[in-house]
Protein backbone atom coordinates (compact mmCIF):
# COMPACT_ATOMS: atom_id res chain seq x y z
CA UNK A 1 0.03 0.00 -0.02
CA UNK A 2 1.39 3.41 -1.01
CA UNK A 3 1.50 6.21 1.56
CA UNK A 4 1.10 9.72 0.03
CA UNK A 5 2.68 12.48 2.07
CA UNK A 6 0.23 15.32 2.51
CA UNK A 7 2.91 18.10 2.85
CA UNK A 8 2.81 21.33 0.94
CA UNK A 9 5.88 21.31 -1.41
CA UNK A 10 6.27 25.08 -1.00
CA UNK A 11 6.50 24.83 2.73
CA UNK A 12 9.16 22.08 2.47
CA UNK A 13 11.11 24.35 0.07
CA UNK A 14 10.95 27.28 2.57
CA UNK A 15 12.14 25.09 5.38
CA UNK A 16 15.11 23.91 3.37
CA UNK A 17 16.03 27.50 2.55
CA UNK A 18 16.11 28.64 6.24
CA UNK A 19 19.69 29.14 7.42
CA UNK A 20 20.75 26.92 10.22
CA UNK A 21 20.60 28.45 13.72
CA UNK A 22 18.25 31.21 12.67
CA UNK A 23 15.92 30.62 15.65
CA UNK A 24 18.87 30.74 18.03
CA UNK A 25 20.13 33.95 16.55
CA UNK A 26 16.72 35.67 16.64
CA UNK A 27 16.24 34.59 20.24
CA UNK A 28 19.57 35.74 21.51
CA UNK A 29 19.37 39.04 19.60
CA UNK A 30 15.93 39.73 20.92
CA UNK A 31 16.96 38.95 24.57
CA UNK A 32 20.10 41.07 24.24
CA UNK A 33 18.19 43.87 22.62
CA UNK A 34 15.64 43.99 25.41
CA UNK A 35 18.21 44.17 28.12
CA UNK A 36 20.26 46.69 26.30
CA UNK A 37 17.33 48.97 25.67
CA UNK A 38 16.34 48.70 29.37
CA UNK A 39 19.88 49.69 30.48
CA UNK A 40 20.16 52.54 27.99
CA UNK A 41 16.71 54.14 28.43
CA UNK A 42 17.53 55.76 31.84
CA UNK A 43 20.78 57.26 30.43
CA UNK A 44 18.97 58.53 27.34
CA UNK A 45 16.23 60.12 29.52
CA UNK A 46 18.95 61.71 31.71
CA UNK A 47 20.41 63.36 28.58
CA UNK A 48 17.29 64.07 26.50
CA UNK A 49 15.17 65.72 29.26
CA UNK A 50 17.72 68.56 29.99
CA UNK A 51 18.58 71.46 27.70
CA UNK A 52 22.06 73.06 27.55
CA UNK A 53 20.69 76.16 29.34
CA UNK A 54 19.18 74.03 32.12
CA UNK A 55 22.45 72.04 32.31
CA UNK A 56 24.59 75.18 32.86
CA UNK A 57 21.99 76.54 35.26
CA UNK A 58 22.15 73.37 37.27
CA UNK A 59 25.97 73.30 37.19
CA UNK A 60 25.87 76.93 38.65
CA UNK A 61 23.96 75.71 41.71
CA UNK A 62 25.95 76.84 44.83
CA UNK A 63 26.43 73.30 46.11
CA UNK A 64 28.11 72.03 42.97
CA UNK A 65 31.50 73.69 43.17
CA UNK A 66 32.29 72.88 46.78
CA UNK A 67 31.09 69.29 46.17
CA UNK A 68 33.35 69.00 43.09
CA UNK A 69 36.38 70.23 44.85
CA UNK A 70 35.78 67.91 47.79
CA UNK A 71 35.12 64.99 45.49
CA UNK A 72 38.39 65.49 43.60
CA UNK A 73 40.29 65.84 46.88
CA UNK A 74 38.83 62.81 48.63
CA UNK A 75 38.77 60.43 45.66
CA UNK A 76 42.34 61.20 44.55
CA UNK A 77 43.57 60.89 48.12
CA UNK A 78 41.75 57.54 48.60
CA UNK A 79 43.17 56.34 45.28
CA UNK A 80 46.74 57.10 46.41
CA UNK A 81 46.10 55.31 49.73
CA UNK A 82 44.60 52.29 47.91
CA UNK A 83 47.43 51.97 45.38
CA UNK A 84 50.27 52.55 47.80
CA UNK A 85 49.04 50.08 50.38
CA UNK A 86 47.16 47.84 48.13
CA UNK A 87 49.99 46.98 45.57
CA UNK A 88 52.21 45.26 48.18
CA UNK A 89 49.26 43.37 49.60
CA UNK A 90 48.19 42.20 46.07
CA UNK A 91 51.75 41.09 45.45
CA UNK A 92 51.81 39.08 48.65
CA UNK A 93 48.48 37.47 47.83
CA UNK A 94 49.64 36.48 44.35
CA UNK A 95 52.83 34.87 45.69
CA UNK A 96 51.32 32.83 48.50
CA UNK A 97 48.92 29.98 48.48
CA UNK A 98 46.83 28.12 51.03
CA UNK A 99 43.64 28.30 53.01
CA UNK A 100 44.73 31.35 55.02
CA UNK A 101 45.50 33.30 51.84
CA UNK A 102 42.06 32.34 50.39
CA UNK A 103 40.42 33.56 53.61
CA UNK A 104 42.34 36.85 53.43
CA UNK A 105 41.36 37.26 49.73
CA UNK A 106 37.72 36.68 50.64
CA UNK A 107 37.87 39.21 53.45
CA UNK A 108 39.44 42.00 51.42
CA UNK A 109 36.87 41.47 48.69
CA UNK A 110 34.04 41.53 51.19
CA UNK A 111 33.45 45.39 51.23
CA UNK A 112 32.65 45.23 47.50
CA UNK A 113 29.51 43.18 48.08
CA UNK A 114 28.36 44.65 51.38
CA UNK A 115 25.25 46.81 51.33
CA UNK A 116 26.33 50.50 51.65
CA UNK A 117 24.30 50.82 54.90
CA UNK A 118 26.21 47.87 56.39
CA UNK A 119 29.46 49.46 55.40
CA UNK A 120 28.50 52.69 57.04
CA UNK A 121 27.46 50.95 60.31
CA UNK A 122 30.67 48.99 60.39
CA UNK A 123 32.77 52.08 59.93
CA UNK A 124 30.93 53.83 62.73
CA UNK A 125 31.36 50.84 65.10
CA UNK A 126 35.06 50.77 64.29
CA UNK A 127 35.98 54.45 64.14
CA UNK A 128 33.07 56.23 65.84
CA UNK A 129 33.57 58.00 69.11
CA UNK A 130 32.45 54.93 71.01
CA UNK A 131 33.83 52.50 68.35
CA UNK A 132 36.36 49.82 68.66
CA UNK A 133 39.25 51.99 67.65
CA UNK A 134 37.53 55.38 67.55
CA UNK A 135 37.22 55.51 71.31
CA UNK A 136 40.94 55.46 71.63
CA UNK A 137 41.27 58.26 68.93
CA UNK A 138 38.59 60.21 70.90
CA UNK A 139 40.54 59.99 74.15
CA UNK A 140 43.41 61.74 72.20
CA UNK A 141 41.06 64.44 71.01
CA UNK A 142 40.66 63.12 67.44
CA UNK A 143 37.24 62.89 66.02
CA UNK A 144 36.89 61.02 62.77
CA UNK A 145 33.17 60.67 61.93
CA UNK A 146 31.51 63.55 60.05
CA UNK A 147 34.76 64.91 58.83
CA UNK A 148 36.59 64.96 55.49
CA UNK A 149 38.83 62.20 56.80
CA UNK A 150 35.71 60.07 57.21
CA UNK A 151 34.84 60.54 53.60
CA UNK A 152 38.28 59.40 52.56
CA UNK A 153 38.08 56.38 54.89
CA UNK A 154 34.68 55.33 53.51
CA UNK A 155 36.00 55.61 49.94
CA UNK A 156 39.08 53.60 50.71
CA UNK A 157 36.90 50.90 52.38
CA UNK A 158 34.55 50.44 49.47
CA UNK A 159 36.98 50.91 46.52
CA UNK A 160 40.01 49.00 47.65
CA UNK A 161 38.58 45.55 46.71
CA UNK A 162 38.38 46.62 43.05
CA UNK A 163 42.05 47.53 42.91
CA UNK A 164 43.14 44.51 44.93
CA UNK A 165 41.34 42.03 42.73
CA UNK A 166 42.70 43.50 39.46
CA UNK A 167 46.19 43.90 40.93
CA UNK A 168 46.29 40.29 42.32
CA UNK A 169 45.10 38.86 38.94
CA UNK A 170 47.81 41.01 37.11
CA UNK A 171 50.58 39.74 39.37
CA UNK A 172 49.33 36.13 39.04
CA UNK A 173 49.66 36.33 35.26
CA UNK A 174 53.35 37.16 35.43
CA UNK A 175 55.62 34.27 34.31
CA UNK A 176 57.42 32.99 37.29
CA UNK A 177 60.46 32.30 35.12
CA UNK A 178 61.05 35.92 34.54
CA UNK A 179 61.10 36.59 38.33
CA UNK A 180 63.45 33.74 38.86
CA UNK A 181 65.85 35.00 36.16
CA UNK A 182 65.89 38.42 37.85
CA UNK A 183 66.80 36.88 41.07
CA UNK A 184 69.59 34.76 39.61
CA UNK A 185 70.94 37.94 38.04
CA UNK A 186 71.46 39.40 41.48
CA UNK A 187 68.22 41.47 41.88
CA UNK A 188 67.00 41.85 45.41
CA UNK A 189 63.38 41.01 46.32
CA UNK A 190 62.56 44.76 46.23
CA UNK A 191 64.35 45.02 42.91
CA UNK A 192 62.36 42.11 41.46
CA UNK A 193 59.09 43.74 42.69
CA UNK A 194 59.79 47.36 41.45
CA UNK A 195 61.80 46.65 38.30
CA UNK A 196 60.16 43.51 37.00
CA UNK A 197 56.82 42.67 38.57
CA UNK A 198 55.29 46.15 38.69
CA UNK A 199 56.15 47.03 35.07
CA UNK A 200 54.84 43.71 33.81
CA UNK A 201 51.64 44.03 35.80
CA UNK A 202 51.23 47.80 34.96
CA UNK A 203 48.20 47.41 32.63
CA UNK A 204 46.31 45.42 35.30
CA UNK A 205 47.32 47.83 37.99
CA UNK A 206 46.16 50.82 35.92
CA UNK A 207 42.85 49.21 35.16
CA UNK A 208 42.33 48.33 38.83
CA UNK A 209 43.22 51.89 39.92
CA UNK A 210 40.74 53.32 37.42
CA UNK A 211 37.95 51.05 38.64
CA UNK A 212 38.81 51.83 42.20
CA UNK A 213 38.67 55.60 41.56
CA UNK A 214 35.40 55.18 39.76
CA UNK A 215 33.90 53.25 42.75
CA UNK A 216 35.04 55.94 45.16
CA UNK A 217 33.59 58.62 42.86
CA UNK A 218 30.17 56.98 43.08
CA UNK A 219 30.22 56.14 46.78
CA UNK A 220 27.15 57.32 48.57
CA UNK A 221 25.71 55.09 51.40
CA UNK A 222 28.73 54.56 53.58
CA UNK A 223 29.79 58.17 53.21
CA UNK A 224 26.29 59.41 54.25
CA UNK A 225 26.22 57.27 57.38
CA UNK A 226 29.81 57.64 58.40
CA UNK A 227 30.68 61.15 57.25
CA UNK A 228 27.33 62.86 57.01
CA UNK A 229 26.25 65.43 54.28
CA UNK A 230 27.88 68.69 55.32
CA UNK A 231 28.35 71.23 52.52
CA UNK A 232 32.04 71.92 51.88
CA UNK A 233 33.26 69.29 54.39
CA UNK A 234 31.68 65.94 53.65
CA UNK A 235 29.25 66.53 50.76
CA UNK A 236 30.65 64.83 47.61
CA UNK A 237 28.98 65.10 44.13
CA UNK A 238 26.87 62.00 44.76
CA UNK A 239 25.59 63.46 48.03
CA UNK A 240 25.00 66.77 46.25
CA UNK A 241 22.67 64.87 43.85
CA UNK A 242 20.79 63.60 46.85
CA UNK A 243 20.55 67.09 48.37
CA UNK A 244 19.54 68.99 45.25
CA UNK A 245 17.05 66.31 44.11
CA UNK A 246 14.45 67.70 46.62
CA UNK A 247 14.90 71.43 45.83
CA UNK A 248 16.42 71.77 42.35
CA UNK A 249 15.93 68.90 39.90
CA UNK A 250 18.01 70.67 37.30
CA UNK A 251 21.05 70.69 39.51
CA UNK A 252 20.63 67.03 40.48
CA UNK A 253 20.30 66.10 36.77
CA UNK A 254 23.22 68.26 35.80
CA UNK A 255 25.47 66.67 38.42
CA UNK A 256 24.27 63.17 37.40
CA UNK A 257 25.19 63.94 33.86
CA UNK A 258 28.74 65.01 34.87
CA UNK A 259 29.14 61.83 36.82
CA UNK A 260 27.81 59.67 33.87
CA UNK A 261 30.22 61.49 31.48
CA UNK A 262 33.20 60.88 33.69
CA UNK A 263 32.30 57.21 34.20
CA UNK A 264 31.63 56.67 30.46
CA UNK A 265 35.00 58.28 29.48
CA UNK A 266 36.84 56.15 32.08
CA UNK A 267 35.24 52.93 30.95
CA UNK A 268 35.64 53.68 27.30
CA UNK A 269 39.43 54.45 27.82
CA UNK A 270 39.76 51.12 29.52
CA UNK A 271 37.92 49.38 26.71
CA UNK A 272 40.20 50.90 24.21
CA UNK A 273 43.20 49.90 26.25
CA UNK A 274 42.11 46.33 26.44
CA UNK A 275 40.65 46.26 22.87
CA UNK A 276 43.73 44.54 21.36
CA UNK A 277 43.24 41.55 23.70
CA UNK A 278 39.54 41.44 23.03
CA UNK A 279 40.13 41.37 19.20
CA UNK A 280 42.64 38.55 19.67
CA UNK A 281 39.92 36.38 21.27
CA UNK A 282 37.60 36.63 18.25
């Protein structure tokens, strides 16, 4: 008995002409497009809903200039502290192994995932007037909370993990044979570190420093709880956005645009710097 296939020949022809994997490509492109659109819409709204005149009027708000000066002072100071103290720590973590080292690595990365409120409370309990260490400082007449020093400490606390992770990874990628050769040629441990390890790890160190500075620039919660929001003393640009939001939306939006522009420029520069490695992976 003959079986006749009741299939439309034109449909079979169209199926044969569909490129392989078309459904997968359409699905992934649609998913990526939805997330990308969702992520870009707030940035577009931030730019599109403010005219140039309103932008400059917002920048002229009396809170902006003091906040800008304080932000530059505190973030650059915190960056120097993180790099100077964090580079040796990252080097030690990259050279050692074992459970204790893994625990230390976990602990130094912990501030990066702590909620900002938790970071602020922890800083107060450590360095507040009645804190673990702060009470000793208070007995000497030194008050840390709600000062510019508190802003710097909060920024160091939340931004250091970004530098440490990048720096540790950069040092781990160094070929150990190069360090061994340097030692056999008579270089001291300090010479190996400064003349061999640091130059070889420089791209990773720079990227880590940039990300650390960007994190300090955007710090809000821990600073607000530990340092307060005092104009000219503890009010950074992010806190100025919070302050002006209730009274002058133009100023809040203008400051936000400045922060977005700085962040985009920094990230794009890092993207260009690492672009060659990205191309090689294609």
